C-alpha atoms as a PDB file:
ATOM      1  CA  MET A   1     -67.837  76.942 -36.220  1.00  0.00           C
ATOM      2  CA  ASN A   2     -68.118  74.764 -39.431  1.00  0.00           C
ATOM      3  CA  ASN A   3     -71.888  74.718 -39.102  1.00  0.00           C
ATOM      4  CA  SER A   4     -71.948  78.865 -38.122  1.00  0.00           C
ATOM      5  CA  LEU A   5     -69.968  78.785 -41.553  1.00  0.00           C
ATOM      6  CA  ILE A   6     -72.590  77.152 -43.225  1.00  0.00           C
ATOM      7  CA  GLU A   7     -75.451  78.917 -42.042  1.00  0.00           C
ATOM      8  CA  GLN A   8     -73.685  82.378 -42.719  1.00  0.00           C
ATOM      9  CA  TYR A   9     -72.800  81.257 -46.187  1.00  0.00           C
ATOM     10  CA  ALA A  10     -75.660  78.874 -47.613  1.00  0.00           C
ATOM     11  CA  HIS A  11     -78.809  79.583 -45.496  1.00  0.00           C
ATOM     12  CA  ASN A  12     -81.040  79.798 -48.484  1.00  0.00           C
ATOM     13  CA  ILE A  13     -79.333  76.377 -49.793  1.00  0.00           C
ATOM     14  CA  ILE A  14     -79.837  74.597 -46.967  1.00  0.00           C
ATOM     15  CA  ASN A  15     -83.391  75.307 -46.663  1.00  0.00           C
ATOM     16  CA  HIS A  16     -84.248  74.924 -50.083  1.00  0.00           C
ATOM     17  CA  LYS A  17     -86.985  72.916 -50.881  1.00  0.00           C
ATOM     18  CA  LYS A  18     -85.481  71.112 -53.520  1.00  0.00           C
ATOM     19  CA  TYR A  19     -82.311  71.065 -51.336  1.00  0.00           C
ATOM     20  CA  LEU A  20     -83.832  69.105 -48.703  1.00  0.00           C
ATOM     21  CA  MET A  21     -85.381  66.631 -50.687  1.00  0.00           C
ATOM     22  CA  GLN A  22     -82.099  65.178 -51.555  1.00  0.00           C
ATOM     23  CA  LYS A  23     -82.682  63.778 -47.328  1.00  0.00           C
ATOM     24  CA  GLU A  24     -84.435  61.359 -49.555  1.00  0.00           C
ATOM     25  CA  PHE A  25     -81.745  60.372 -51.912  1.00  0.00           C
ATOM     26  CA  ILE A  26     -79.034  57.500 -50.777  1.00  0.00           C
ATOM     27  CA  GLN A  27     -75.540  58.277 -51.762  1.00  0.00           C
ATOM     28  CA  HIS A  28     -73.043  56.020 -50.290  1.00  0.00           C
ATOM     29  CA  GLY A  29     -74.271  52.799 -48.154  1.00  0.00           C
ATOM     30  CA  ASP A  30     -77.074  54.152 -45.700  1.00  0.00           C
ATOM     31  CA  ILE A  31     -76.333  58.091 -46.083  1.00  0.00           C
ATOM     32  CA  SER A  32     -78.111  60.543 -48.069  1.00  0.00           C
ATOM     33  CA  VAL A  33     -76.643  62.859 -50.642  1.00  0.00           C
ATOM     34  CA  TYR A  34     -77.808  65.430 -47.939  1.00  0.00           C
ATOM     35  CA  ASP A  35     -75.807  64.035 -45.459  1.00  0.00           C
ATOM     36  CA  HIS A  36     -73.092  63.431 -47.715  1.00  0.00           C
ATOM     37  CA  GLU A  37     -72.807  66.618 -48.801  1.00  0.00           C
ATOM     38  CA  ILE A  38     -72.997  68.159 -45.774  1.00  0.00           C
ATOM     39  CA  ASN A  39     -70.030  66.305 -44.563  1.00  0.00           C
ATOM     40  CA  VAL A  40     -68.123  66.931 -48.107  1.00  0.00           C
ATOM     41  CA  THR A  41     -68.107  70.467 -46.827  1.00  0.00           C
ATOM     42  CA  LYS A  42     -67.370  70.018 -43.150  1.00  0.00           C
ATOM     43  CA  MET A  43     -64.587  68.332 -44.962  1.00  0.00           C
ATOM     44  CA  CYS A  44     -63.449  71.309 -47.148  1.00  0.00           C
ATOM     45  CA  ILE A  45     -62.978  73.474 -44.571  1.00  0.00           C
ATOM     46  CA  ASN A  46     -61.335  71.319 -42.469  1.00  0.00           C
ATOM     47  CA  ILE A  47     -59.041  70.989 -45.214  1.00  0.00           C
ATOM     48  CA  SER A  48     -58.954  74.458 -45.982  1.00  0.00           C
ATOM     49  CA  LYS A  49     -58.295  75.498 -42.324  1.00  0.00           C
ATOM     50  CA  LYS A  50     -55.446  72.948 -41.663  1.00  0.00           C
ATOM     51  CA  LEU A  51     -53.170  73.386 -44.293  1.00  0.00           C
ATOM     52  CA  ASN A  52     -53.886  77.048 -44.110  1.00  0.00           C
ATOM     53  CA  ILE A  53     -54.993  77.602 -47.752  1.00  0.00           C
ATOM     54  CA  LYS A  54     -56.917  80.656 -48.160  1.00  0.00           C
ATOM     55  CA  VAL A  55     -60.011  80.560 -50.118  1.00  0.00           C
ATOM     56  CA  ASN A  56     -63.456  82.117 -50.980  1.00  0.00           C
ATOM     57  CA  TYR A  57     -65.333  80.746 -48.295  1.00  0.00           C
ATOM     58  CA  ARG A  58     -68.532  81.439 -49.904  1.00  0.00           C
ATOM     59  CA  SER A  59     -67.149  80.189 -52.727  1.00  0.00           C
ATOM     60  CA  LEU A  60     -65.932  76.784 -51.285  1.00  0.00           C
ATOM     61  CA  ILE A  61     -69.542  76.136 -49.095  1.00  0.00           C
ATOM     62  CA  ARG A  62     -71.559  76.740 -51.561  1.00  0.00           C
ATOM     63  CA  GLY A  63     -70.040  74.768 -54.457  1.00  0.00           C
ATOM     64  CA  SER A  64     -69.032  71.903 -52.103  1.00  0.00           C
ATOM     65  CA  LEU A  65     -72.584  71.849 -51.013  1.00  0.00           C
ATOM     66  CA  LEU A  66     -74.379  71.505 -54.287  1.00  0.00           C
ATOM     67  CA  HIS A  67     -71.409  69.188 -55.972  1.00  0.00           C
ATOM     68  CA  ASP A  68     -74.248  66.085 -55.710  1.00  0.00           C
ATOM     69  CA  TYR A  69     -77.284  68.373 -56.547  1.00  0.00           C
ATOM     70  CA  PHE A  70     -78.137  66.008 -59.354  1.00  0.00           C
ATOM     71  CA  LEU A  71     -81.697  65.578 -57.599  1.00  0.00           C
ATOM     72  CA  TYR A  72     -82.816  62.094 -58.666  1.00  0.00           C
ATOM     73  CA  ASP A  73     -82.004  58.128 -56.796  1.00  0.00           C
ATOM     74  CA  TRP A  74     -79.396  56.913 -58.986  1.00  0.00           C
ATOM     75  CA  HIS A  75     -79.874  53.300 -57.113  1.00  0.00           C
ATOM     76  CA  ILE A  76     -83.321  53.235 -59.750  1.00  0.00           C
ATOM     77  CA  LYS A  77     -82.575  51.708 -63.008  1.00  0.00           C
ATOM     78  CA  ASP A  78     -83.449  54.439 -65.352  1.00  0.00           C
ATOM     79  CA  SER A  79     -81.840  55.297 -69.102  1.00  0.00           C
ATOM     80  CA  SER A  80     -81.611  58.837 -67.722  1.00  0.00           C
ATOM     81  CA  HIS A  81     -79.340  57.675 -64.656  1.00  0.00           C
ATOM     82  CA  ARG A  82     -77.302  55.791 -66.894  1.00  0.00           C
ATOM     83  CA  LEU A  83     -73.181  56.686 -66.240  1.00  0.00           C
ATOM     84  CA  HIS A  84     -74.494  58.818 -63.020  1.00  0.00           C
ATOM     85  CA  GLY A  85     -70.851  58.683 -61.953  1.00  0.00           C
ATOM     86  CA  PHE A  86     -69.804  60.059 -65.690  1.00  0.00           C
ATOM     87  CA  ARG A  87     -73.096  62.713 -66.106  1.00  0.00           C
ATOM     88  CA  HIS A  88     -74.443  63.586 -62.728  1.00  0.00           C
ATOM     89  CA  ALA A  89     -71.336  66.444 -62.376  1.00  0.00           C
ATOM     90  CA  LYS A  90     -72.916  68.564 -65.053  1.00  0.00           C
ATOM     91  CA  ILE A  91     -76.590  67.998 -64.021  1.00  0.00           C
ATOM     92  CA  SER A  92     -75.472  69.048 -61.319  1.00  0.00           C
ATOM     93  CA  MET A  93     -73.972  72.039 -62.225  1.00  0.00           C
ATOM     94  CA  ASN A  94     -77.048  73.207 -64.205  1.00  0.00           C
ATOM     95  CA  ASN A  95     -79.924  72.289 -61.444  1.00  0.00           C
ATOM     96  CA  ALA A  96     -77.440  74.414 -58.620  1.00  0.00           C
ATOM     97  CA  ASP A  97     -77.148  77.269 -60.958  1.00  0.00           C
ATOM     98  CA  ARG A  98     -80.638  77.231 -62.356  1.00  0.00           C
ATOM     99  CA  ASP A  99     -81.551  77.451 -58.588  1.00  0.00           C
ATOM    100  CA  PHE A 100     -78.768  79.262 -56.626  1.00  0.00           C
ATOM    101  CA  HIS A 101     -76.590  81.262 -59.641  1.00  0.00           C
ATOM    102  CA  LEU A 102     -73.294  79.939 -59.276  1.00  0.00           C
ATOM    103  CA  ASN A 103     -70.305  82.543 -59.688  1.00  0.00           C
ATOM    104  CA  LYS A 104     -67.183  80.536 -62.501  1.00  0.00           C
ATOM    105  CA  VAL A 105     -65.338  79.134 -59.176  1.00  0.00           C
ATOM    106  CA  GLU A 106     -68.462  77.052 -58.004  1.00  0.00           C
ATOM    107  CA  LYS A 107     -69.231  75.538 -61.461  1.00  0.00           C
ATOM    108  CA  ASN A 108     -65.979  74.869 -61.800  1.00  0.00           C
ATOM    109  CA  MET A 109     -66.051  73.235 -58.668  1.00  0.00           C
ATOM    110  CA  ILE A 110     -69.410  71.091 -59.077  1.00  0.00           C
ATOM    111  CA  TYR A 111     -68.381  70.141 -62.900  1.00  0.00           C
ATOM    112  CA  CYS A 112     -64.919  68.850 -62.097  1.00  0.00           C
ATOM    113  CA  HIS A 113     -65.578  67.209 -59.108  1.00  0.00           C
ATOM    114  CA  MET A 114     -65.507  63.925 -60.588  1.00  0.00           C
ATOM    115  CA  PHE A 115     -61.889  64.380 -61.911  1.00  0.00           C
ATOM    116  CA  PRO A 116     -59.800  62.417 -62.652  1.00  0.00           C
ATOM    117  CA  LEU A 117     -63.321  59.704 -63.603  1.00  0.00           C
ATOM    118  CA  ASN A 118     -64.329  62.475 -65.527  1.00  0.00           C
ATOM    119  CA  ILE A 119     -61.431  64.490 -67.342  1.00  0.00           C
ATOM    120  CA  ARG A 120     -62.887  68.335 -66.384  1.00  0.00           C
ATOM    121  CA  ILE A 121     -59.532  69.315 -64.809  1.00  0.00           C
ATOM    122  CA  PRO A 122     -60.235  71.577 -61.572  1.00  0.00           C
ATOM    123  CA  ARG A 123     -59.033  75.070 -62.011  1.00  0.00           C
ATOM    124  CA  TYR A 124     -59.624  77.033 -58.817  1.00  0.00           C
ATOM    125  CA  LYS A 125     -57.749  75.950 -55.321  1.00  0.00           C
ATOM    126  CA  GLU A 126     -61.389  75.693 -53.902  1.00  0.00           C
ATOM    127  CA  SER A 127     -61.952  73.359 -57.068  1.00  0.00           C
ATOM    128  CA  ILE A 128     -58.962  70.699 -55.794  1.00  0.00           C
ATOM    129  CA  ILE A 129     -60.125  70.832 -52.023  1.00  0.00           C
ATOM    130  CA  LEU A 130     -63.322  69.654 -53.220  1.00  0.00           C
ATOM    131  CA  CYS A 131     -62.245  66.730 -55.302  1.00  0.00           C
ATOM    132  CA  VAL A 132     -60.319  65.479 -52.616  1.00  0.00           C
ATOM    133  CA  ALA A 133     -62.976  65.967 -49.594  1.00  0.00           C
ATOM    134  CA  ASP A 134     -65.311  64.445 -51.803  1.00  0.00           C
ATOM    135  CA  LYS A 135     -63.131  61.491 -52.527  1.00  0.00           C
ATOM    136  CA  ILE A 136     -62.693  61.332 -48.588  1.00  0.00           C
ATOM    137  CA  CYS A 137     -65.932  61.044 -47.738  1.00  0.00           C
ATOM    138  CA  ALA A 138     -66.436  59.083 -50.518  1.00  0.00           C
ATOM    139  CA  ILE A 139     -64.574  56.426 -49.048  1.00  0.00           C
ATOM    140  CA  LYS A 140     -65.000  56.656 -45.293  1.00  0.00           C
ATOM    141  CA  GLU A 141     -68.394  57.104 -46.000  1.00  0.00           C
ATOM    142  CA  THR A 142     -68.355  53.495 -48.016  1.00  0.00           C
ATOM    143  CA  ILE A 143     -66.129  51.484 -45.162  1.00  0.00           C
ATOM    144  CA  GLU A 144     -67.862  52.305 -42.610  1.00  0.00           C
ATOM    145  CA  TYR A 145     -71.796  51.275 -43.842  1.00  0.00           C
ATOM    146  CA  ARG A 146     -69.689  48.006 -45.013  1.00  0.00           C
ATOM    147  CA  SER A 147     -68.087  47.603 -41.837  1.00  0.00           C
ATOM    148  CA  VAL A 148     -71.271  48.208 -39.669  1.00  0.00           C
ATOM    149  CA  SER A 149     -73.011  45.741 -42.669  1.00  0.00           C
ATOM    150  CA  ILE A 150     -70.338  43.210 -41.800  1.00  0.00           C
ATOM    151  CA  SER A 151     -70.445  43.830 -38.431  1.00  0.00           C
ATOM    152  CA  LYS A 152     -74.225  43.084 -38.069  1.00  0.00           C
ATOM    153  CA  LEU A 153     -73.953  39.942 -40.459  1.00  0.00           C
ATOM    154  CA  TYR A 154     -71.411  38.435 -37.996  1.00  0.00           C
ATOM    155  CA  TYR A 155     -73.942  39.428 -34.928  1.00  0.00           C
ATOM    156  CA  TYR A 156     -76.776  38.281 -36.737  1.00  0.00           C
ATOM    157  CA  TYR A 157     -74.569  34.805 -37.865  1.00  0.00           C
ATOM    158  CA  ILE A 158     -73.577  34.358 -33.769  1.00  0.00           C
ATOM    159  CA  HIS A 159     -76.692  35.051 -32.191  1.00  0.00           C
ATOM    160  CA  ARG A 160     -78.900  32.957 -34.683  1.00  0.00           C
ATOM    161  CA  ASN A 161     -75.890  29.793 -34.329  1.00  0.00           C
ATOM    162  CA  LEU A 162     -76.090  30.230 -30.295  1.00  0.00           C
ATOM    163  CA  GLU A 163     -79.770  29.853 -30.785  1.00  0.00           C
ATOM    164  CA  ASN A 164     -79.057  26.603 -33.028  1.00  0.00           C
ATOM    165  CA  LYS A 165     -77.282  25.242 -30.201  1.00  0.00           C
ATOM    166  CA  ILE A 166     -79.609  26.118 -27.977  1.00  0.00           C
ATOM    167  CA  LEU A 167     -82.243  24.745 -29.833  1.00  0.00           C
ATOM    168  CA  TYR A 168     -80.118  21.869 -30.934  1.00  0.00           C
ATOM    169  CA  LYS A 169     -79.571  21.297 -27.035  1.00  0.00           C
ATOM    170  CA  LEU A 170     -83.274  21.274 -25.892  1.00  0.00           C
ATOM    171  CA  LEU A 171     -83.786  19.131 -28.562  1.00  0.00           C
ATOM    172  CA  ILE A 172     -81.310  16.542 -27.683  1.00  0.00           C
ATOM    173  CA  ASN A 173     -82.356  16.023 -24.088  1.00  0.00           C
ATOM    174  CA  GLN A 174     -85.703  15.785 -25.022  1.00  0.00           C
END
């Protein structure tokens, strides 16, 4: 159901050349900006439905899909990426408005999605839903990445330890 709503309201966005570039940029852990925005959009839809909040789905979907439309890899050291957490919302809003002509709700959603880190107060229910959904997804993506990384390290340690024990036994028995 969520995918059909996304397709219905944002077909031109999710198939846009610049939007697809985001598949190459990492957001949290090993999650691309593209996948993060899709996750956040689905979370926004779920929150609005579960809490029975009447929203403008076109604005909710477009704003959430474009909330991190900054179009650069913020992990690369570059003076233009300094203070990314504080600056990317405005950059994303400007890029999105240039490429997709936003309405006032979508602009507020994108510009205010980093509240309370950025002291820009969300003015619409769609903006508040995006703030919450973005935090949930960011935490989930980061924790999942770290737990996978930790389990990979643990597996590697155990596996290497077993190899070392086998080698040790082989060496001693010679």
